[in-house]
Full PDB file with SEQRES, HELIX, SHEET, SSBOND, CRYST1, ORIGX, SCALE, CONECT and MASTER records, all heavy atoms in Angstrom:
SEQRES   1 A   37  LEU ALA GLY ALA GLN ASP GLY ALA ALA THR ALA PHE PRO          
SEQRES   2 A   37  ALA ALA THR LEU THR LEU GLU GLY ALA PRO GLU ASP ARG          
SEQRES   3 A   37  PHE ALA ALA ALA LEU ALA ALA GLY GLN ASP PRO                  
HELIX    1 AA1 ALA A    2  GLN A    5  1                                   4    
HELIX    2 AA2 GLU A   24  ALA A   32  1                                   9    
CRYST1    1.000    1.000    1.000  90.00  90.00  90.00 P 1           1          
ORIGX1      1.000000  0.000000  0.000000        0.00000                         
ORIGX2      0.000000  1.000000  0.000000        0.00000                         
ORIGX3      0.000000  0.000000  1.000000        0.00000                         
SCALE1      1.000000  0.000000  0.000000        0.00000                         
SCALE2      0.000000  1.000000  0.000000        0.00000                         
SCALE3      0.000000  0.000000  1.000000        0.00000                         
ATOM      1  N   LEU A   1      36.991 111.283  99.226  1.00  0.00           N  
ATOM      2  CA  LEU A   1      37.715 112.538  99.178  1.00  0.00           C  
ATOM      3  C   LEU A   1      38.588 112.682 100.300  1.00  0.00           C  
ATOM      4  O   LEU A   1      39.760 113.137 100.174  1.00  0.00           O  
ATOM      5  CB  LEU A   1      36.679 113.728  99.153  1.00  0.00           C  
ATOM      6  CG  LEU A   1      35.870 113.857  97.907  1.00  0.00           C  
ATOM      7  CD1 LEU A   1      34.819 114.970  98.054  1.00  0.00           C  
ATOM      8  CD2 LEU A   1      36.733 114.012  96.636  1.00  0.00           C  
ATOM      9  N   ALA A   2      38.171 112.284 101.542  1.00  0.00           N  
ATOM     10  CA  ALA A   2      39.018 112.327 102.756  1.00  0.00           C  
ATOM     11  C   ALA A   2      40.358 111.502 102.526  1.00  0.00           C  
ATOM     12  O   ALA A   2      41.404 111.844 102.814  1.00  0.00           O  
ATOM     13  CB  ALA A   2      38.229 111.863 103.930  1.00  0.00           C  
ATOM     14  N   GLY A   3      40.106 110.268 101.943  1.00  0.00           N  
ATOM     15  CA  GLY A   3      41.292 109.302 101.803  1.00  0.00           C  
ATOM     16  C   GLY A   3      42.257 109.923 100.737  1.00  0.00           C  
ATOM     17  O   GLY A   3      43.466 109.685 100.895  1.00  0.00           O  
ATOM     18  N   ALA A   4      41.745 110.509  99.703  1.00  0.00           N  
ATOM     19  CA  ALA A   4      42.542 111.035  98.728  1.00  0.00           C  
ATOM     20  C   ALA A   4      43.300 112.286  99.213  1.00  0.00           C  
ATOM     21  O   ALA A   4      44.417 112.741  98.616  1.00  0.00           O  
ATOM     22  CB  ALA A   4      41.733 111.407  97.444  1.00  0.00           C  
ATOM     23  N   GLN A   5      42.752 112.995 100.171  1.00  0.00           N  
ATOM     24  CA  GLN A   5      43.561 114.158 100.753  1.00  0.00           C  
ATOM     25  C   GLN A   5      44.518 113.742 101.681  1.00  0.00           C  
ATOM     26  O   GLN A   5      45.604 114.387 101.832  1.00  0.00           O  
ATOM     27  CB  GLN A   5      42.496 115.085 101.504  1.00  0.00           C  
ATOM     28  CG  GLN A   5      41.600 115.890 100.536  1.00  0.00           C  
ATOM     29  CD  GLN A   5      40.780 116.882 101.204  1.00  0.00           C  
ATOM     30  OE1 GLN A   5      40.798 118.103 101.061  1.00  0.00           O  
ATOM     31  NE2 GLN A   5      39.828 116.422 102.076  1.00  0.00           N  
ATOM     32  N   ASP A   6      44.322 112.640 102.514  1.00  0.00           N  
ATOM     33  CA  ASP A   6      45.330 112.199 103.592  1.00  0.00           C  
ATOM     34  C   ASP A   6      46.544 111.850 102.828  1.00  0.00           C  
ATOM     35  O   ASP A   6      46.792 110.953 101.927  1.00  0.00           O  
ATOM     36  CB  ASP A   6      44.677 110.891 104.239  1.00  0.00           C  
ATOM     37  CG  ASP A   6      43.572 111.382 105.177  1.00  0.00           C  
ATOM     38  OD1 ASP A   6      43.347 112.640 105.420  1.00  0.00           O  
ATOM     39  OD2 ASP A   6      42.855 110.484 105.542  1.00  0.00           O  
ATOM     40  N   GLY A   7      47.695 112.511 103.251  1.00  0.00           N  
ATOM     41  CA  GLY A   7      48.988 112.145 102.880  1.00  0.00           C  
ATOM     42  C   GLY A   7      49.328 112.605 101.427  1.00  0.00           C  
ATOM     43  O   GLY A   7      50.381 112.420 100.938  1.00  0.00           O  
ATOM     44  N   ALA A   8      48.479 113.289 100.881  1.00  0.00           N  
ATOM     45  CA  ALA A   8      48.716 113.803  99.373  1.00  0.00           C  
ATOM     46  C   ALA A   8      49.737 114.918  99.498  1.00  0.00           C  
ATOM     47  O   ALA A   8      49.559 115.845 100.327  1.00  0.00           O  
ATOM     48  CB  ALA A   8      47.426 114.220  98.782  1.00  0.00           C  
ATOM     49  N   ALA A   9      50.675 115.009  98.573  1.00  0.00           N  
ATOM     50  CA  ALA A   9      51.614 116.111  98.495  1.00  0.00           C  
ATOM     51  C   ALA A   9      50.930 117.208  97.544  1.00  0.00           C  
ATOM     52  O   ALA A   9      50.920 117.009  96.291  1.00  0.00           O  
ATOM     53  CB  ALA A   9      52.922 115.673  97.871  1.00  0.00           C  
ATOM     54  N   THR A  10      50.451 118.214  98.127  1.00  0.00           N  
ATOM     55  CA  THR A  10      49.778 119.208  97.483  1.00  0.00           C  
ATOM     56  C   THR A  10      49.975 120.624  97.994  1.00  0.00           C  
ATOM     57  O   THR A  10      50.211 120.758  99.323  1.00  0.00           O  
ATOM     58  CB  THR A  10      48.258 118.907  97.391  1.00  0.00           C  
ATOM     59  OG1 THR A  10      47.449 119.930  96.754  1.00  0.00           O  
ATOM     60  CG2 THR A  10      47.747 118.739  98.859  1.00  0.00           C  
ATOM     61  N   ALA A  11      49.876 121.613  97.140  1.00  0.00           N  
ATOM     62  CA  ALA A  11      50.016 123.051  97.660  1.00  0.00           C  
ATOM     63  C   ALA A  11      48.689 123.555  98.083  1.00  0.00           C  
ATOM     64  O   ALA A  11      48.640 124.781  98.441  1.00  0.00           O  
ATOM     65  CB  ALA A  11      50.531 123.839  96.515  1.00  0.00           C  
ATOM     66  N   PHE A  12      47.544 122.754  98.024  1.00  0.00           N  
ATOM     67  CA  PHE A  12      46.297 123.324  98.351  1.00  0.00           C  
ATOM     68  C   PHE A  12      45.833 122.739  99.647  1.00  0.00           C  
ATOM     69  O   PHE A  12      46.093 121.666  99.955  1.00  0.00           O  
ATOM     70  CB  PHE A  12      45.342 122.943  97.194  1.00  0.00           C  
ATOM     71  CG  PHE A  12      45.556 123.666  95.965  1.00  0.00           C  
ATOM     72  CD1 PHE A  12      46.498 123.118  95.047  1.00  0.00           C  
ATOM     73  CD2 PHE A  12      45.110 124.894  95.703  1.00  0.00           C  
ATOM     74  CE1 PHE A  12      46.815 123.826  93.758  1.00  0.00           C  
ATOM     75  CE2 PHE A  12      45.401 125.649  94.450  1.00  0.00           C  
ATOM     76  CZ  PHE A  12      46.238 125.022  93.610  1.00  0.00           C  
ATOM     77  N   PRO A  13      45.140 123.481 100.383  1.00  0.00           N  
ATOM     78  CA  PRO A  13      44.741 123.046 101.788  1.00  0.00           C  
ATOM     79  C   PRO A  13      43.698 121.934 101.682  1.00  0.00           C  
ATOM     80  O   PRO A  13      42.791 121.974 100.938  1.00  0.00           O  
ATOM     81  CB  PRO A  13      44.077 124.409 102.311  1.00  0.00           C  
ATOM     82  CG  PRO A  13      43.549 125.032 101.175  1.00  0.00           C  
ATOM     83  CD  PRO A  13      44.605 124.895  99.966  1.00  0.00           C  
ATOM     84  N   ALA A  14      43.799 121.113 102.738  1.00  0.00           N  
ATOM     85  CA  ALA A  14      42.897 120.014 102.910  1.00  0.00           C  
ATOM     86  C   ALA A  14      41.630 120.485 103.556  1.00  0.00           C  
ATOM     87  O   ALA A  14      41.675 121.390 104.432  1.00  0.00           O  
ATOM     88  CB  ALA A  14      43.474 118.948 103.717  1.00  0.00           C  
ATOM     89  N   ALA A  15      40.466 119.961 103.187  1.00  0.00           N  
ATOM     90  CA  ALA A  15      39.268 120.334 103.831  1.00  0.00           C  
ATOM     91  C   ALA A  15      38.678 119.070 104.569  1.00  0.00           C  
ATOM     92  O   ALA A  15      38.710 118.004 104.025  1.00  0.00           O  
ATOM     93  CB  ALA A  15      38.209 120.739 102.769  1.00  0.00           C  
ATOM     94  N   THR A  16      38.301 119.288 105.819  1.00  0.00           N  
ATOM     95  CA  THR A  16      37.551 118.281 106.541  1.00  0.00           C  
ATOM     96  C   THR A  16      36.054 118.350 106.269  1.00  0.00           C  
ATOM     97  O   THR A  16      35.438 119.442 106.489  1.00  0.00           O  
ATOM     98  CB  THR A  16      37.713 118.442 108.082  1.00  0.00           C  
ATOM     99  OG1 THR A  16      39.138 118.444 108.334  1.00  0.00           O  
ATOM    100  CG2 THR A  16      36.983 117.369 108.842  1.00  0.00           C  
ATOM    101  N   LEU A  17      35.486 117.313 105.614  1.00  0.00           N  
ATOM    102  CA  LEU A  17      34.107 117.409 105.152  1.00  0.00           C  
ATOM    103  C   LEU A  17      33.223 116.576 106.001  1.00  0.00           C  
ATOM    104  O   LEU A  17      33.603 115.490 106.629  1.00  0.00           O  
ATOM    105  CB  LEU A  17      34.026 116.796 103.738  1.00  0.00           C  
ATOM    106  CG  LEU A  17      34.842 117.429 102.681  1.00  0.00           C  
ATOM    107  CD1 LEU A  17      34.664 116.669 101.335  1.00  0.00           C  
ATOM    108  CD2 LEU A  17      34.472 118.870 102.465  1.00  0.00           C  
ATOM    109  N   THR A  18      32.002 117.125 106.320  1.00  0.00           N  
ATOM    110  CA  THR A  18      30.950 116.457 107.127  1.00  0.00           C  
ATOM    111  C   THR A  18      29.658 116.618 106.452  1.00  0.00           C  
ATOM    112  O   THR A  18      29.305 117.694 105.957  1.00  0.00           O  
ATOM    113  CB  THR A  18      30.924 117.184 108.541  1.00  0.00           C  
ATOM    114  OG1 THR A  18      32.151 117.252 109.183  1.00  0.00           O  
ATOM    115  CG2 THR A  18      29.928 116.345 109.394  1.00  0.00           C  
ATOM    116  N   LEU A  19      28.907 115.458 106.345  1.00  0.00           N  
ATOM    117  CA  LEU A  19      27.593 115.453 105.836  1.00  0.00           C  
ATOM    118  C   LEU A  19      26.584 115.590 106.895  1.00  0.00           C  
ATOM    119  O   LEU A  19      26.702 114.850 107.938  1.00  0.00           O  
ATOM    120  CB  LEU A  19      27.241 114.108 105.014  1.00  0.00           C  
ATOM    121  CG  LEU A  19      27.932 114.020 103.756  1.00  0.00           C  
ATOM    122  CD1 LEU A  19      27.952 112.480 103.267  1.00  0.00           C  
ATOM    123  CD2 LEU A  19      27.287 114.894 102.740  1.00  0.00           C  
ATOM    124  N   GLU A  20      25.755 116.620 106.905  1.00  0.00           N  
ATOM    125  CA  GLU A  20      24.831 116.849 108.017  1.00  0.00           C  
ATOM    126  C   GLU A  20      23.384 116.574 107.534  1.00  0.00           C  
ATOM    127  O   GLU A  20      22.827 117.171 106.572  1.00  0.00           O  
ATOM    128  CB  GLU A  20      24.940 118.244 108.438  1.00  0.00           C  
ATOM    129  CG  GLU A  20      26.333 118.726 108.978  1.00  0.00           C  
ATOM    130  CD  GLU A  20      26.478 120.077 109.275  1.00  0.00           C  
ATOM    131  OE1 GLU A  20      25.637 120.971 108.798  1.00  0.00           O  
ATOM    132  OE2 GLU A  20      27.393 120.498 110.160  1.00  0.00           O  
ATOM    133  N   GLY A  21      22.797 115.576 108.132  1.00  0.00           N  
ATOM    134  CA  GLY A  21      21.447 115.237 107.799  1.00  0.00           C  
ATOM    135  C   GLY A  21      21.279 113.707 107.641  1.00  0.00           C  
ATOM    136  O   GLY A  21      22.304 112.940 107.469  1.00  0.00           O  
ATOM    137  N   ALA A  22      20.146 113.218 107.814  1.00  0.00           N  
ATOM    138  CA  ALA A  22      19.809 111.795 107.750  1.00  0.00           C  
ATOM    139  C   ALA A  22      19.396 111.388 106.373  1.00  0.00           C  
ATOM    140  O   ALA A  22      18.574 112.230 105.710  1.00  0.00           O  
ATOM    141  CB  ALA A  22      18.725 111.428 108.738  1.00  0.00           C  
ATOM    142  N   PRO A  23      19.753 110.296 105.835  1.00  0.00           N  
ATOM    143  CA  PRO A  23      20.545 109.237 106.528  1.00  0.00           C  
ATOM    144  C   PRO A  23      22.055 109.251 106.237  1.00  0.00           C  
ATOM    145  O   PRO A  23      22.773 108.373 106.494  1.00  0.00           O  
ATOM    146  CB  PRO A  23      19.945 107.948 106.002  1.00  0.00           C  
ATOM    147  CG  PRO A  23      19.506 108.228 104.569  1.00  0.00           C  
ATOM    148  CD  PRO A  23      19.086 109.614 104.617  1.00  0.00           C  
ATOM    149  N   GLU A  24      22.507 110.416 105.665  1.00  0.00           N  
ATOM    150  CA  GLU A  24      23.984 110.495 105.288  1.00  0.00           C  
ATOM    151  C   GLU A  24      24.841 110.372 106.551  1.00  0.00           C  
ATOM    152  O   GLU A  24      25.838 109.596 106.558  1.00  0.00           O  
ATOM    153  CB  GLU A  24      24.319 111.849 104.706  1.00  0.00           C  
ATOM    154  CG  GLU A  24      23.854 111.945 103.222  1.00  0.00           C  
ATOM    155  CD  GLU A  24      22.464 112.487 103.101  1.00  0.00           C  
ATOM    156  OE1 GLU A  24      21.714 112.556 104.081  1.00  0.00           O  
ATOM    157  OE2 GLU A  24      22.093 112.960 101.972  1.00  0.00           O  
ATOM    158  N   ASP A  25      24.445 111.000 107.658  1.00  0.00           N  
ATOM    159  CA  ASP A  25      25.303 110.927 108.868  1.00  0.00           C  
ATOM    160  C   ASP A  25      25.278 109.507 109.526  1.00  0.00           C  
ATOM    161  O   ASP A  25      26.418 109.098 109.990  1.00  0.00           O  
ATOM    162  CB  ASP A  25      24.858 111.884 109.958  1.00  0.00           C  
ATOM    163  CG  ASP A  25      23.326 111.869 110.151  1.00  0.00           C  
ATOM    164  OD1 ASP A  25      22.649 110.952 109.726  1.00  0.00           O  
ATOM    165  OD2 ASP A  25      22.826 112.657 111.016  1.00  0.00           O  
ATOM    166  N   ARG A  26      24.302 108.699 109.178  1.00  0.00           N  
ATOM    167  CA  ARG A  26      24.310 107.298 109.680  1.00  0.00           C  
ATOM    168  C   ARG A  26      25.355 106.466 108.902  1.00  0.00           C  
ATOM    169  O   ARG A  26      26.161 105.729 109.439  1.00  0.00           O  
ATOM    170  CB  ARG A  26      22.818 106.747 109.408  1.00  0.00           C  
ATOM    171  CG  ARG A  26      22.595 105.370 109.875  1.00  0.00           C  
ATOM    172  CD  ARG A  26      21.285 104.997 109.642  1.00  0.00           C  
ATOM    173  NE  ARG A  26      20.929 103.604 110.080  1.00  0.00           N  
ATOM    174  CZ  ARG A  26      19.805 103.273 110.732  1.00  0.00           C  
ATOM    175  NH1 ARG A  26      18.903 104.115 111.125  1.00  0.00           N  
ATOM    176  NH2 ARG A  26      19.612 102.016 111.142  1.00  0.00           N  
ATOM    177  N   PHE A  27      25.310 106.658 107.532  1.00  0.00           N  
ATOM    178  CA  PHE A  27      26.327 105.997 106.689  1.00  0.00           C  
ATOM    179  C   PHE A  27      27.771 106.458 106.959  1.00  0.00           C  
ATOM    180  O   PHE A  27      28.659 105.609 106.994  1.00  0.00           O  
ATOM    181  CB  PHE A  27      25.979 106.115 105.313  1.00  0.00           C  
ATOM    182  CG  PHE A  27      24.670 105.381 104.846  1.00  0.00           C  
ATOM    183  CD1 PHE A  27      23.644 105.976 104.147  1.00  0.00           C  
ATOM    184  CD2 PHE A  27      24.563 103.983 105.083  1.00  0.00           C  
ATOM    185  CE1 PHE A  27      22.579 105.332 103.784  1.00  0.00           C  
ATOM    186  CE2 PHE A  27      23.433 103.371 104.695  1.00  0.00           C  
ATOM    187  CZ  PHE A  27      22.398 104.029 104.050  1.00  0.00           C  
ATOM    188  N   ALA A  28      27.928 107.782 107.144  1.00  0.00           N  
ATOM    189  CA  ALA A  28      29.153 108.345 107.430  1.00  0.00           C  
ATOM    190  C   ALA A  28      29.742 107.734 108.728  1.00  0.00           C  
ATOM    191  O   ALA A  28      30.962 107.358 108.868  1.00  0.00           O  
ATOM    192  CB  ALA A  28      29.180 109.798 107.492  1.00  0.00           C  
ATOM    193  N   ALA A  29      28.897 107.579 109.782  1.00  0.00           N  
ATOM    194  CA  ALA A  29      29.454 107.007 111.030  1.00  0.00           C  
ATOM    195  C   ALA A  29      29.852 105.557 110.756  1.00  0.00           C  
ATOM    196  O   ALA A  29      30.848 105.151 111.431  1.00  0.00           O  
ATOM    197  CB  ALA A  29      28.282 107.090 112.083  1.00  0.00           C  
ATOM    198  N   ALA A  30      29.245 104.850 110.000  1.00  0.00           N  
ATOM    199  CA  ALA A  30      29.581 103.478 109.776  1.00  0.00           C  
ATOM    200  C   ALA A  30      30.943 103.374 109.001  1.00  0.00           C  
ATOM    201  O   ALA A  30      31.829 102.557 109.341  1.00  0.00           O  
ATOM    202  CB  ALA A  30      28.564 102.727 108.989  1.00  0.00           C  
ATOM    203  N   LEU A  31      31.057 104.313 108.072  1.00  0.00           N  
ATOM    204  CA  LEU A  31      32.421 104.303 107.324  1.00  0.00           C  
ATOM    205  C   LEU A  31      33.519 104.737 108.246  1.00  0.00           C  
ATOM    206  O   LEU A  31      34.583 104.117 108.226  1.00  0.00           O  
ATOM    207  CB  LEU A  31      32.209 105.205 106.154  1.00  0.00           C  
ATOM    208  CG  LEU A  31      31.467 104.765 104.893  1.00  0.00           C  
ATOM    209  CD1 LEU A  31      30.985 105.981 104.092  1.00  0.00           C  
ATOM    210  CD2 LEU A  31      32.254 103.711 104.166  1.00  0.00           C  
ATOM    211  N   ALA A  32      33.291 105.750 109.120  1.00  0.00           N  
ATOM    212  CA  ALA A  32      34.306 106.091 110.122  1.00  0.00           C  
ATOM    213  C   ALA A  32      34.725 105.007 111.057  1.00  0.00           C  
ATOM    214  O   ALA A  32      35.845 104.976 111.443  1.00  0.00           O  
ATOM    215  CB  ALA A  32      33.792 107.422 110.739  1.00  0.00           C  
ATOM    216  N   ALA A  33      33.789 104.234 111.348  1.00  0.00           N  
ATOM    217  CA  ALA A  33      34.036 103.077 112.231  1.00  0.00           C  
ATOM    218  C   ALA A  33      34.695 101.863 111.528  1.00  0.00           C  
ATOM    219  O   ALA A  33      34.907 100.817 112.146  1.00  0.00           O  
ATOM    220  CB  ALA A  33      32.783 102.662 112.954  1.00  0.00           C  
ATOM    221  N   GLY A  34      34.901 101.925 110.163  1.00  0.00           N  
ATOM    222  CA  GLY A  34      35.449 100.910 109.536  1.00  0.00           C  
ATOM    223  C   GLY A  34      34.412  99.786 109.170  1.00  0.00           C  
ATOM    224  O   GLY A  34      34.819  98.617 108.873  1.00  0.00           O  
ATOM    225  N   GLN A  35      33.163 100.140 109.258  1.00  0.00           N  
ATOM    226  CA  GLN A  35      32.159  99.116 108.992  1.00  0.00           C  
ATOM    227  C   GLN A  35      31.638  99.301 107.554  1.00  0.00           C  
ATOM    228  O   GLN A  35      31.757 100.283 106.940  1.00  0.00           O  
ATOM    229  CB  GLN A  35      30.948  99.306 110.046  1.00  0.00           C  
ATOM    230  CG  GLN A  35      31.370  99.113 111.438  1.00  0.00           C  
ATOM    231  CD  GLN A  35      30.249  99.620 112.414  1.00  0.00           C  
ATOM    232  OE1 GLN A  35      29.233 100.180 111.941  1.00  0.00           O  
ATOM    233  NE2 GLN A  35      30.482  99.455 113.665  1.00  0.00           N  
ATOM    234  N   ASP A  36      30.881  98.247 107.078  1.00  0.00           N  
ATOM    235  CA  ASP A  36      30.336  98.279 105.702  1.00  0.00           C  
ATOM    236  C   ASP A  36      29.025  98.893 105.799  1.00  0.00           C  
ATOM    237  O   ASP A  36      28.030  98.399 106.373  1.00  0.00           O  
ATOM    238  CB  ASP A  36      30.186  96.869 105.175  1.00  0.00           C  
ATOM    239  CG  ASP A  36      29.550  96.827 103.816  1.00  0.00           C  
ATOM    240  OD1 ASP A  36      29.409  97.871 103.185  1.00  0.00           O  
ATOM    241  OD2 ASP A  36      29.185  95.742 103.296  1.00  0.00           O  
ATOM    242  N   PRO A  37      28.868 100.225 105.220  1.00  0.00           N  
ATOM    243  CA  PRO A  37      27.601 100.903 105.358  1.00  0.00           C  
ATOM    244  C   PRO A  37      26.452 100.214 104.632  1.00  0.00           C  
ATOM    245  O   PRO A  37      25.303 100.328 104.874  1.00  0.00           O  
ATOM    246  CB  PRO A  37      27.913 102.245 104.786  1.00  0.00           C  
ATOM    247  CG  PRO A  37      29.016 102.088 103.864  1.00  0.00           C  
ATOM    248  CD  PRO A  37      29.913 100.880 104.541  1.00  0.00           C  
TER     249      PRO A  37                                                      
MASTER        0    0    0    2    0    0    0    6  248    1    0    3          
END                                                                             
């Protein structure tokens, strides 16, 4: 979802999404660092 919002030409506001809780935050950190979760 974050990738699809980045740079999209749209009239609707982008949302910054965060997953709170384990183990989602662990996988999200790996993805943000460009690692294979």
